[in-house]
Structure formats: structure tokens, C-alpha cells
Amino acid sequence: MYTDEMRRAVRSIRAPKGFGLDIVEHSTEGIGWIELVADEIKFMKLLDADKRSAVEYMVRVKKALEDNGAIVQLTRRAVEQ
């Protein structure tokens, strides 16, 4: 499901320093989708301008995957209390 074209599209987008996304493939009953998982702890450690860049990065990655035919879900790895 995560094709070479998708991989190239994602790698062409530069992530802010200290931030990244985990890409997880899911499939159930013949339907597949990709989950982009952001780490909230890493996000919260970024400076304000870098947080904005991180949000823009997440949106660009999601769009790049969707433009290559993927169904994409964006989630976060929450901080445990």
C-alpha cells in the first residue's frame, strides 16, 4: 500500500529539525489506509515558529500521500499523564 511513489513524495518534503512522523500501514476487510503518527512530546518541545512548520509539514505529507492514492489518518502519540 505504501508505494515507492509515496515514499519519494514524503522524502521530498523536509521535516523541521527535531520533528518527524511515523508512517503506519493498516488494513482491514480489504480496505487499507495509512496512519501518520505525530509525537506530541517532540512537538511540544519545538519553538513557536517550528511548531507552525511542523503543522505545515504534517499537512504537506498527508496531501502528498493522498495525491498518490492513499487514505490517510493523522493522529498523535499523546503524552501520558
N, C-alpha and C. Protein backbone atom coordinates (compact mmCIF):
# COMPACT_ATOMS: atom_id res chain seq x y z
N MET A 1 0.82 -1.19 0.00
CA MET A 1 0.00 0.00 0.00
C MET A 1 0.87 1.26 0.00
N TYR A 2 1.89 1.34 0.85
CA TYR A 2 2.82 2.47 0.87
C TYR A 2 3.80 2.24 -0.27
N THR A 3 3.54 2.88 -1.39
CA THR A 3 4.28 2.62 -2.62
C THR A 3 5.59 3.41 -2.69
N ASP A 4 6.40 3.06 -3.67
CA ASP A 4 7.64 3.80 -3.89
C ASP A 4 7.36 5.26 -4.24
N GLU A 5 6.30 5.51 -5.00
CA GLU A 5 5.94 6.89 -5.34
C GLU A 5 5.59 7.68 -4.09
N MET A 6 4.86 7.06 -3.18
CA MET A 6 4.51 7.71 -1.92
C MET A 6 5.76 7.98 -1.10
N ARG A 7 6.63 7.01 -1.04
CA ARG A 7 7.88 7.15 -0.28
C ARG A 7 8.70 8.31 -0.82
N ARG A 8 8.82 8.40 -2.14
CA ARG A 8 9.58 9.50 -2.74
C ARG A 8 8.92 10.85 -2.45
N ALA A 9 7.59 10.88 -2.53
CA ALA A 9 6.87 12.13 -2.27
C ALA A 9 7.10 12.59 -0.82
N VAL A 10 7.05 11.66 0.12
CA VAL A 10 7.24 12.01 1.53
C VAL A 10 8.67 12.47 1.77
N ARG A 11 9.62 11.77 1.20
CA ARG A 11 11.03 12.13 1.42
C ARG A 11 11.41 13.45 0.78
N SER A 12 10.63 13.90 -0.19
CA SER A 12 10.92 15.18 -0.84
C SER A 12 10.48 16.37 0.03
N ILE A 13 9.73 16.10 1.09
CA ILE A 13 9.25 17.15 1.98
C ILE A 13 10.16 17.20 3.20
N ARG A 14 10.71 18.35 3.45
CA ARG A 14 11.68 18.50 4.55
C ARG A 14 10.96 18.71 5.87
N ALA A 15 11.30 17.88 6.85
CA ALA A 15 10.72 18.00 8.19
C ALA A 15 11.49 19.03 9.01
N PRO A 16 10.81 19.73 9.91
CA PRO A 16 11.52 20.64 10.82
C PRO A 16 12.50 19.85 11.69
N LYS A 17 13.60 20.47 12.04
CA LYS A 17 14.60 19.81 12.86
C LYS A 17 13.98 19.39 14.19
N GLY A 18 14.21 18.13 14.56
CA GLY A 18 13.69 17.62 15.83
C GLY A 18 12.27 17.10 15.76
N PHE A 19 11.71 17.00 14.55
CA PHE A 19 10.33 16.53 14.40
C PHE A 19 10.24 15.57 13.24
N GLY A 20 9.35 14.62 13.36
CA GLY A 20 9.10 13.67 12.28
C GLY A 20 7.79 12.95 12.52
N LEU A 21 7.41 12.16 11.58
CA LEU A 21 6.18 11.39 11.67
C LEU A 21 6.49 9.90 11.50
N ASP A 22 5.75 9.07 12.21
CA ASP A 22 5.80 7.64 11.97
C ASP A 22 4.70 7.32 10.97
N ILE A 23 5.02 6.48 10.01
CA ILE A 23 4.05 6.08 8.98
C ILE A 23 3.71 4.62 9.23
N VAL A 24 2.42 4.37 9.48
CA VAL A 24 1.95 3.03 9.81
C VAL A 24 0.88 2.62 8.81
N GLU A 25 1.05 1.44 8.22
CA GLU A 25 0.05 0.91 7.29
C GLU A 25 -0.97 0.07 8.04
N HIS A 26 -2.24 0.23 7.68
CA HIS A 26 -3.32 -0.55 8.28
C HIS A 26 -4.16 -1.16 7.16
N SER A 27 -4.75 -2.31 7.46
CA SER A 27 -5.65 -2.95 6.51
C SER A 27 -6.68 -3.75 7.27
N THR A 28 -7.92 -3.58 6.90
CA THR A 28 -8.99 -4.37 7.50
C THR A 28 -10.08 -4.60 6.45
N GLU A 29 -10.50 -5.83 6.32
CA GLU A 29 -11.56 -6.21 5.38
C GLU A 29 -11.29 -5.68 3.97
N GLY A 30 -10.05 -5.76 3.53
CA GLY A 30 -9.71 -5.36 2.18
C GLY A 30 -9.54 -3.87 1.98
N ILE A 31 -9.72 -3.08 3.03
CA ILE A 31 -9.56 -1.63 2.93
C ILE A 31 -8.28 -1.25 3.66
N GLY A 32 -7.40 -0.55 2.98
CA GLY A 32 -6.15 -0.15 3.59
C GLY A 32 -6.06 1.35 3.74
N TRP A 33 -5.33 1.78 4.75
CA TRP A 33 -5.09 3.19 4.94
C TRP A 33 -3.75 3.38 5.63
N ILE A 34 -3.28 4.62 5.58
CA ILE A 34 -2.01 4.96 6.20
C ILE A 34 -2.28 5.91 7.36
N GLU A 35 -1.65 5.60 8.48
CA GLU A 35 -1.76 6.46 9.66
C GLU A 35 -0.45 7.22 9.83
N LEU A 36 -0.55 8.54 9.91
CA LEU A 36 0.61 9.37 10.22
C LEU A 36 0.53 9.68 11.71
N VAL A 37 1.56 9.30 12.45
CA VAL A 37 1.55 9.47 13.90
C VAL A 37 2.59 10.51 14.30
N ALA A 38 2.10 11.59 14.91
CA ALA A 38 2.98 12.65 15.40
C ALA A 38 3.23 12.44 16.89
N ASP A 39 4.45 12.68 17.32
CA ASP A 39 4.83 12.54 18.72
C ASP A 39 4.59 13.89 19.42
N GLU A 40 3.63 13.93 20.34
CA GLU A 40 3.26 15.18 20.99
C GLU A 40 4.41 15.75 21.83
N ILE A 41 5.19 14.89 22.44
CA ILE A 41 6.31 15.37 23.26
C ILE A 41 7.31 16.13 22.39
N LYS A 42 7.68 15.55 21.24
CA LYS A 42 8.60 16.23 20.33
C LYS A 42 8.00 17.53 19.83
N PHE A 43 6.70 17.51 19.53
CA PHE A 43 6.02 18.70 19.03
C PHE A 43 6.05 19.81 20.08
N MET A 44 5.76 19.48 21.32
CA MET A 44 5.69 20.48 22.38
C MET A 44 7.06 21.09 22.69
N LYS A 45 8.13 20.39 22.40
CA LYS A 45 9.48 20.89 22.64
C LYS A 45 9.93 21.90 21.58
N LEU A 46 9.21 21.97 20.46
CA LEU A 46 9.59 22.89 19.39
C LEU A 46 9.27 24.34 19.77
N LEU A 47 10.04 25.26 19.23
CA LEU A 47 9.73 26.68 19.38
C LEU A 47 8.49 27.00 18.56
N ASP A 48 7.88 28.14 18.82
CA ASP A 48 6.61 28.51 18.18
C ASP A 48 6.69 28.44 16.65
N ALA A 49 7.70 29.05 16.06
CA ALA A 49 7.83 29.04 14.59
C ALA A 49 8.02 27.62 14.08
N ASP A 50 8.76 26.81 14.82
CA ASP A 50 8.97 25.42 14.41
C ASP A 50 7.70 24.60 14.55
N LYS A 51 6.85 24.93 15.51
CA LYS A 51 5.56 24.24 15.64
C LYS A 51 4.71 24.51 14.41
N ARG A 52 4.73 25.74 13.95
CA ARG A 52 3.98 26.07 12.73
C ARG A 52 4.53 25.31 11.53
N SER A 53 5.85 25.21 11.47
CA SER A 53 6.48 24.45 10.39
C SER A 53 6.11 22.97 10.48
N ALA A 54 6.03 22.45 11.70
CA ALA A 54 5.66 21.04 11.90
C ALA A 54 4.24 20.78 11.43
N VAL A 55 3.32 21.69 11.73
CA VAL A 55 1.93 21.54 11.27
C VAL A 55 1.87 21.58 9.75
N GLU A 56 2.60 22.52 9.15
CA GLU A 56 2.65 22.60 7.69
C GLU A 56 3.23 21.32 7.10
N TYR A 57 4.26 20.79 7.74
CA TYR A 57 4.87 19.54 7.30
C TYR A 57 3.86 18.39 7.33
N MET A 58 3.12 18.27 8.43
CA MET A 58 2.12 17.21 8.54
C MET A 58 1.07 17.31 7.44
N VAL A 59 0.62 18.52 7.17
CA VAL A 59 -0.39 18.73 6.13
C VAL A 59 0.17 18.39 4.75
N ARG A 60 1.41 18.80 4.49
CA ARG A 60 2.03 18.50 3.18
C ARG A 60 2.23 17.01 2.98
N VAL A 61 2.67 16.31 4.03
CA VAL A 61 2.87 14.86 3.92
C VAL A 61 1.53 14.17 3.67
N LYS A 62 0.50 14.56 4.42
CA LYS A 62 -0.83 13.98 4.25
C LYS A 62 -1.32 14.19 2.82
N LYS A 63 -1.17 15.40 2.31
CA LYS A 63 -1.61 15.70 0.95
C LYS A 63 -0.82 14.92 -0.09
N ALA A 64 0.50 14.80 0.12
CA ALA A 64 1.33 14.06 -0.83
C ALA A 64 0.90 12.60 -0.91
N LEU A 65 0.59 12.01 0.23
CA LEU A 65 0.12 10.62 0.24
C LEU A 65 -1.24 10.49 -0.42
N GLU A 66 -2.14 11.42 -0.10
CA GLU A 66 -3.48 11.38 -0.72
C GLU A 66 -3.40 11.59 -2.23
N ASP A 67 -2.51 12.46 -2.67
CA ASP A 67 -2.34 12.68 -4.11
C ASP A 67 -1.83 11.44 -4.83
N ASN A 68 -1.23 10.53 -4.06
CA ASN A 68 -0.74 9.27 -4.63
C ASN A 68 -1.70 8.11 -4.35
N GLY A 69 -2.93 8.42 -3.96
CA GLY A 69 -3.97 7.41 -3.85
C GLY A 69 -4.21 6.82 -2.48
N ALA A 70 -3.56 7.33 -1.45
CA ALA A 70 -3.72 6.75 -0.11
C ALA A 70 -4.89 7.40 0.64
N ILE A 71 -5.48 6.61 1.51
CA ILE A 71 -6.41 7.12 2.51
C ILE A 71 -5.55 7.36 3.73
N VAL A 72 -5.57 8.59 4.28
CA VAL A 72 -4.63 8.96 5.33
C VAL A 72 -5.37 9.45 6.57
N GLN A 73 -4.90 8.98 7.71
CA GLN A 73 -5.40 9.42 9.01
C GLN A 73 -4.23 10.02 9.77
N LEU A 74 -4.39 11.22 10.31
CA LEU A 74 -3.35 11.88 11.08
C LEU A 74 -3.71 11.78 12.56
N THR A 75 -2.81 11.20 13.35
CA THR A 75 -3.05 11.06 14.79
C THR A 75 -1.82 11.53 15.55
N ARG A 76 -1.94 11.54 16.85
CA ARG A 76 -0.81 11.92 17.69
C ARG A 76 -0.59 10.89 18.77
N ARG A 77 0.65 10.74 19.15
CA ARG A 77 1.00 9.89 20.27
C ARG A 77 0.94 10.79 21.49
N ALA A 78 -0.09 10.61 22.29
CA ALA A 78 -0.37 11.54 23.40
C ALA A 78 0.63 11.39 24.53
N VAL A 79 0.78 12.48 25.25
CA VAL A 79 1.60 12.49 26.45
C VAL A 79 0.82 11.76 27.54
N GLU A 80 1.47 10.81 28.18
CA GLU A 80 0.78 10.07 29.24
C GLU A 80 0.84 10.88 30.53
N GLN A 81 -0.27 10.93 31.19
CA GLN A 81 -0.38 11.69 32.44
C GLN A 81 0.07 10.87 33.62
